[in-house]
Amino acid sequence: MTKEKLKGLVVFGSLITAIGFILLFFSVNFGTSLAEKWLAKRGGADTSMFLIVIEGSTNSFLAAGSILLGIGLATIIFVYYKILNINE
């Protein structure tokens, strides 16, 4: 791989890492917002059902953020070692 392609891969990995980081730390806000939209679309629901929807939505954003953060960090680490091998 050329150095330019590796730099592009670093940018891609950084972007994926940033998106994962945002999803992790704002998962409660995103989950609550998604649950409120669900409630408005449905027109009302039991409180326990609404809390289950909030928890499920929040967990979905947590899982997606964790996966994206892990993939992004793994990509950056891989590319870093590839760049070190090219320089030698």
N, C-alpha and C. Protein backbone atom coordinates (compact mmCIF):
# COMPACT_ATOMS: atom_id res chain seq x y z
N MET A 1 0.84 -1.18 0.00
CA MET A 1 0.00 0.00 0.00
C MET A 1 0.89 1.25 0.00
N THR A 2 0.41 2.26 -0.67
CA THR A 2 1.17 3.50 -0.70
C THR A 2 0.86 4.33 0.54
N LYS A 3 1.73 5.28 0.78
CA LYS A 3 1.58 6.12 1.96
C LYS A 3 0.32 6.98 1.87
N GLU A 4 -0.07 7.41 0.67
CA GLU A 4 -1.26 8.23 0.51
C GLU A 4 -2.53 7.44 0.85
N LYS A 5 -2.57 6.18 0.44
CA LYS A 5 -3.72 5.34 0.76
C LYS A 5 -3.81 5.10 2.26
N LEU A 6 -2.66 4.94 2.90
CA LEU A 6 -2.65 4.73 4.34
C LEU A 6 -3.11 5.99 5.08
N LYS A 7 -2.74 7.16 4.57
CA LYS A 7 -3.20 8.40 5.19
C LYS A 7 -4.72 8.52 5.07
N GLY A 8 -5.26 8.12 3.93
CA GLY A 8 -6.71 8.13 3.76
C GLY A 8 -7.39 7.16 4.70
N LEU A 9 -6.73 6.03 4.95
CA LEU A 9 -7.28 5.06 5.89
C LEU A 9 -7.24 5.58 7.32
N VAL A 10 -6.24 6.37 7.65
CA VAL A 10 -6.17 6.99 8.98
C VAL A 10 -7.33 7.98 9.15
N VAL A 11 -7.61 8.76 8.12
CA VAL A 11 -8.72 9.71 8.17
C VAL A 11 -10.04 8.95 8.34
N PHE A 12 -10.20 7.87 7.59
CA PHE A 12 -11.42 7.05 7.71
C PHE A 12 -11.55 6.47 9.12
N GLY A 13 -10.46 5.93 9.64
CA GLY A 13 -10.48 5.37 10.99
C GLY A 13 -10.78 6.42 12.05
N SER A 14 -10.24 7.61 11.87
CA SER A 14 -10.50 8.70 12.81
C SER A 14 -11.96 9.12 12.78
N LEU A 15 -12.53 9.16 11.58
CA LEU A 15 -13.94 9.52 11.44
C LEU A 15 -14.84 8.48 12.10
N ILE A 16 -14.56 7.21 11.87
CA ILE A 16 -15.35 6.14 12.47
C ILE A 16 -15.21 6.18 13.99
N THR A 17 -13.99 6.43 14.49
CA THR A 17 -13.77 6.53 15.92
C THR A 17 -14.55 7.68 16.53
N ALA A 18 -14.55 8.83 15.86
CA ALA A 18 -15.28 9.99 16.36
C ALA A 18 -16.79 9.73 16.40
N ILE A 19 -17.31 9.10 15.36
CA ILE A 19 -18.74 8.77 15.34
C ILE A 19 -19.08 7.80 16.47
N GLY A 20 -18.24 6.79 16.67
CA GLY A 20 -18.47 5.85 17.76
C GLY A 20 -18.42 6.51 19.12
N PHE A 21 -17.48 7.43 19.29
CA PHE A 21 -17.34 8.16 20.54
C PHE A 21 -18.59 8.99 20.82
N ILE A 22 -19.09 9.67 19.80
CA ILE A 22 -20.30 10.49 19.95
C ILE A 22 -21.50 9.61 20.29
N LEU A 23 -21.64 8.49 19.59
CA LEU A 23 -22.76 7.59 19.87
C LEU A 23 -22.70 7.04 21.30
N LEU A 24 -21.51 6.76 21.78
CA LEU A 24 -21.37 6.25 23.15
C LEU A 24 -21.79 7.29 24.19
N PHE A 25 -21.29 8.49 24.06
CA PHE A 25 -21.52 9.48 25.10
C PHE A 25 -22.86 10.19 25.01
N PHE A 26 -23.49 10.15 23.87
CA PHE A 26 -24.80 10.78 23.73
C PHE A 26 -25.91 9.75 23.49
N SER A 27 -25.66 8.50 23.85
CA SER A 27 -26.64 7.44 23.60
C SER A 27 -27.93 7.66 24.38
N VAL A 28 -27.84 8.22 25.57
CA VAL A 28 -29.06 8.47 26.36
C VAL A 28 -29.91 9.53 25.67
N ASN A 29 -29.28 10.59 25.19
CA ASN A 29 -30.04 11.64 24.50
C ASN A 29 -30.68 11.10 23.22
N PHE A 30 -29.89 10.35 22.43
CA PHE A 30 -30.42 9.80 21.19
C PHE A 30 -31.53 8.79 21.47
N GLY A 31 -31.34 7.93 22.47
CA GLY A 31 -32.34 6.92 22.81
C GLY A 31 -33.64 7.53 23.30
N THR A 32 -33.53 8.54 24.13
CA THR A 32 -34.73 9.22 24.64
C THR A 32 -35.46 9.93 23.51
N SER A 33 -34.73 10.56 22.64
CA SER A 33 -35.35 11.25 21.50
C SER A 33 -36.08 10.27 20.60
N LEU A 34 -35.45 9.13 20.34
CA LEU A 34 -36.07 8.12 19.49
C LEU A 34 -37.33 7.55 20.15
N ALA A 35 -37.27 7.35 21.47
CA ALA A 35 -38.44 6.84 22.19
C ALA A 35 -39.57 7.86 22.22
N GLU A 36 -39.23 9.14 22.34
CA GLU A 36 -40.28 10.17 22.32
C GLU A 36 -40.96 10.25 20.96
N LYS A 37 -40.19 10.07 19.90
CA LYS A 37 -40.79 10.03 18.56
C LYS A 37 -41.71 8.82 18.43
N TRP A 38 -41.28 7.68 18.99
CA TRP A 38 -42.12 6.48 18.98
C TRP A 38 -43.42 6.73 19.71
N LEU A 39 -43.33 7.39 20.87
CA LEU A 39 -44.52 7.67 21.68
C LEU A 39 -45.47 8.62 20.95
N ALA A 40 -44.92 9.65 20.31
CA ALA A 40 -45.76 10.60 19.57
C ALA A 40 -46.43 9.93 18.39
N LYS A 41 -45.71 9.04 17.72
CA LYS A 41 -46.28 8.33 16.57
C LYS A 41 -47.40 7.39 17.01
N ARG A 42 -47.19 6.78 18.15
CA ARG A 42 -48.18 5.83 18.66
C ARG A 42 -49.37 6.53 19.29
N GLY A 43 -49.16 7.73 19.82
CA GLY A 43 -50.25 8.50 20.41
C GLY A 43 -50.40 8.27 21.90
N GLY A 44 -49.53 7.52 22.51
CA GLY A 44 -49.59 7.26 23.94
C GLY A 44 -49.29 5.79 24.22
N ALA A 45 -48.79 5.56 25.42
CA ALA A 45 -48.45 4.19 25.81
C ALA A 45 -48.33 4.13 27.32
N ASP A 46 -48.30 2.93 27.84
CA ASP A 46 -48.09 2.71 29.26
C ASP A 46 -46.68 3.15 29.64
N THR A 47 -46.53 3.61 30.88
CA THR A 47 -45.22 4.10 31.33
C THR A 47 -44.16 3.02 31.28
N SER A 48 -44.51 1.81 31.70
CA SER A 48 -43.51 0.74 31.70
C SER A 48 -43.07 0.39 30.27
N MET A 49 -44.00 0.44 29.34
CA MET A 49 -43.65 0.17 27.94
C MET A 49 -42.74 1.27 27.40
N PHE A 50 -43.03 2.51 27.74
CA PHE A 50 -42.20 3.63 27.31
C PHE A 50 -40.78 3.51 27.86
N LEU A 51 -40.65 3.11 29.11
CA LEU A 51 -39.32 2.93 29.71
C LEU A 51 -38.55 1.80 29.03
N ILE A 52 -39.24 0.76 28.63
CA ILE A 52 -38.59 -0.35 27.92
C ILE A 52 -38.09 0.13 26.56
N VAL A 53 -38.88 0.95 25.88
CA VAL A 53 -38.47 1.49 24.58
C VAL A 53 -37.26 2.41 24.75
N ILE A 54 -37.24 3.23 25.80
CA ILE A 54 -36.09 4.10 26.06
C ILE A 54 -34.84 3.26 26.29
N GLU A 55 -34.96 2.23 27.12
CA GLU A 55 -33.81 1.38 27.42
C GLU A 55 -33.31 0.65 26.18
N GLY A 56 -34.22 0.13 25.39
CA GLY A 56 -33.83 -0.56 24.16
C GLY A 56 -33.16 0.36 23.17
N SER A 57 -33.69 1.55 23.00
CA SER A 57 -33.09 2.52 22.07
C SER A 57 -31.70 2.94 22.55
N THR A 58 -31.58 3.19 23.83
CA THR A 58 -30.28 3.58 24.39
C THR A 58 -29.26 2.46 24.22
N ASN A 59 -29.67 1.24 24.48
CA ASN A 59 -28.75 0.10 24.31
C ASN A 59 -28.33 -0.09 22.85
N SER A 60 -29.23 0.20 21.93
CA SER A 60 -28.88 0.10 20.51
C SER A 60 -27.78 1.10 20.14
N PHE A 61 -27.92 2.33 20.63
CA PHE A 61 -26.89 3.33 20.35
C PHE A 61 -25.58 3.00 21.05
N LEU A 62 -25.66 2.43 22.26
CA LEU A 62 -24.44 2.01 22.96
C LEU A 62 -23.70 0.92 22.19
N ALA A 63 -24.45 -0.06 21.69
CA ALA A 63 -23.83 -1.15 20.94
C ALA A 63 -23.20 -0.64 19.64
N ALA A 64 -23.93 0.18 18.92
CA ALA A 64 -23.40 0.72 17.66
C ALA A 64 -22.16 1.58 17.91
N GLY A 65 -22.21 2.40 18.94
CA GLY A 65 -21.06 3.24 19.27
C GLY A 65 -19.85 2.42 19.67
N SER A 66 -20.06 1.36 20.43
CA SER A 66 -18.95 0.50 20.85
C SER A 66 -18.30 -0.18 19.65
N ILE A 67 -19.12 -0.68 18.77
CA ILE A 67 -18.60 -1.37 17.58
C ILE A 67 -17.82 -0.40 16.71
N LEU A 68 -18.37 0.77 16.45
CA LEU A 68 -17.68 1.75 15.60
C LEU A 68 -16.39 2.25 16.25
N LEU A 69 -16.42 2.47 17.55
CA LEU A 69 -15.21 2.91 18.24
C LEU A 69 -14.12 1.84 18.16
N GLY A 70 -14.49 0.59 18.36
CA GLY A 70 -13.52 -0.50 18.28
C GLY A 70 -12.94 -0.66 16.89
N ILE A 71 -13.79 -0.60 15.87
CA ILE A 71 -13.31 -0.73 14.49
C ILE A 71 -12.40 0.44 14.14
N GLY A 72 -12.78 1.63 14.54
CA GLY A 72 -11.96 2.80 14.23
C GLY A 72 -10.60 2.75 14.90
N LEU A 73 -10.56 2.38 16.17
CA LEU A 73 -9.28 2.28 16.87
C LEU A 73 -8.40 1.18 16.30
N ALA A 74 -9.01 0.05 15.96
CA ALA A 74 -8.25 -1.05 15.36
C ALA A 74 -7.66 -0.63 14.01
N THR A 75 -8.43 0.11 13.23
CA THR A 75 -7.95 0.59 11.94
C THR A 75 -6.78 1.54 12.11
N ILE A 76 -6.90 2.46 13.05
CA ILE A 76 -5.82 3.43 13.27
C ILE A 76 -4.55 2.73 13.73
N ILE A 77 -4.68 1.77 14.64
CA ILE A 77 -3.50 1.03 15.13
C ILE A 77 -2.86 0.23 14.00
N PHE A 78 -3.67 -0.44 13.20
CA PHE A 78 -3.15 -1.22 12.07
C PHE A 78 -2.39 -0.33 11.09
N VAL A 79 -2.97 0.79 10.74
CA VAL A 79 -2.34 1.70 9.78
C VAL A 79 -1.06 2.30 10.36
N TYR A 80 -1.06 2.58 11.65
CA TYR A 80 0.13 3.13 12.29
C TYR A 80 1.31 2.16 12.14
N TYR A 81 1.08 0.89 12.41
CA TYR A 81 2.15 -0.09 12.28
C TYR A 81 2.55 -0.31 10.82
N LYS A 82 1.60 -0.21 9.89
CA LYS A 82 1.95 -0.31 8.47
C LYS A 82 2.82 0.85 8.04
N ILE A 83 2.53 2.04 8.53
CA ILE A 83 3.34 3.22 8.20
C ILE A 83 4.74 3.07 8.78
N LEU A 84 4.84 2.51 9.98
CA LEU A 84 6.16 2.27 10.57
C LEU A 84 6.97 1.30 9.74
N ASN A 85 6.33 0.28 9.19
CA ASN A 85 7.03 -0.69 8.35
C ASN A 85 7.46 -0.10 7.01
N ILE A 86 6.71 0.83 6.48
CA ILE A 86 7.07 1.46 5.22
C ILE A 86 8.29 2.35 5.41
N ASN A 87 8.36 3.05 6.53
CA ASN A 87 9.48 3.96 6.78
C ASN A 87 10.80 3.22 6.99
N GLU A 88 10.76 1.97 7.41
CA GLU A 88 11.99 1.23 7.69
C GLU A 88 12.65 0.71 6.45
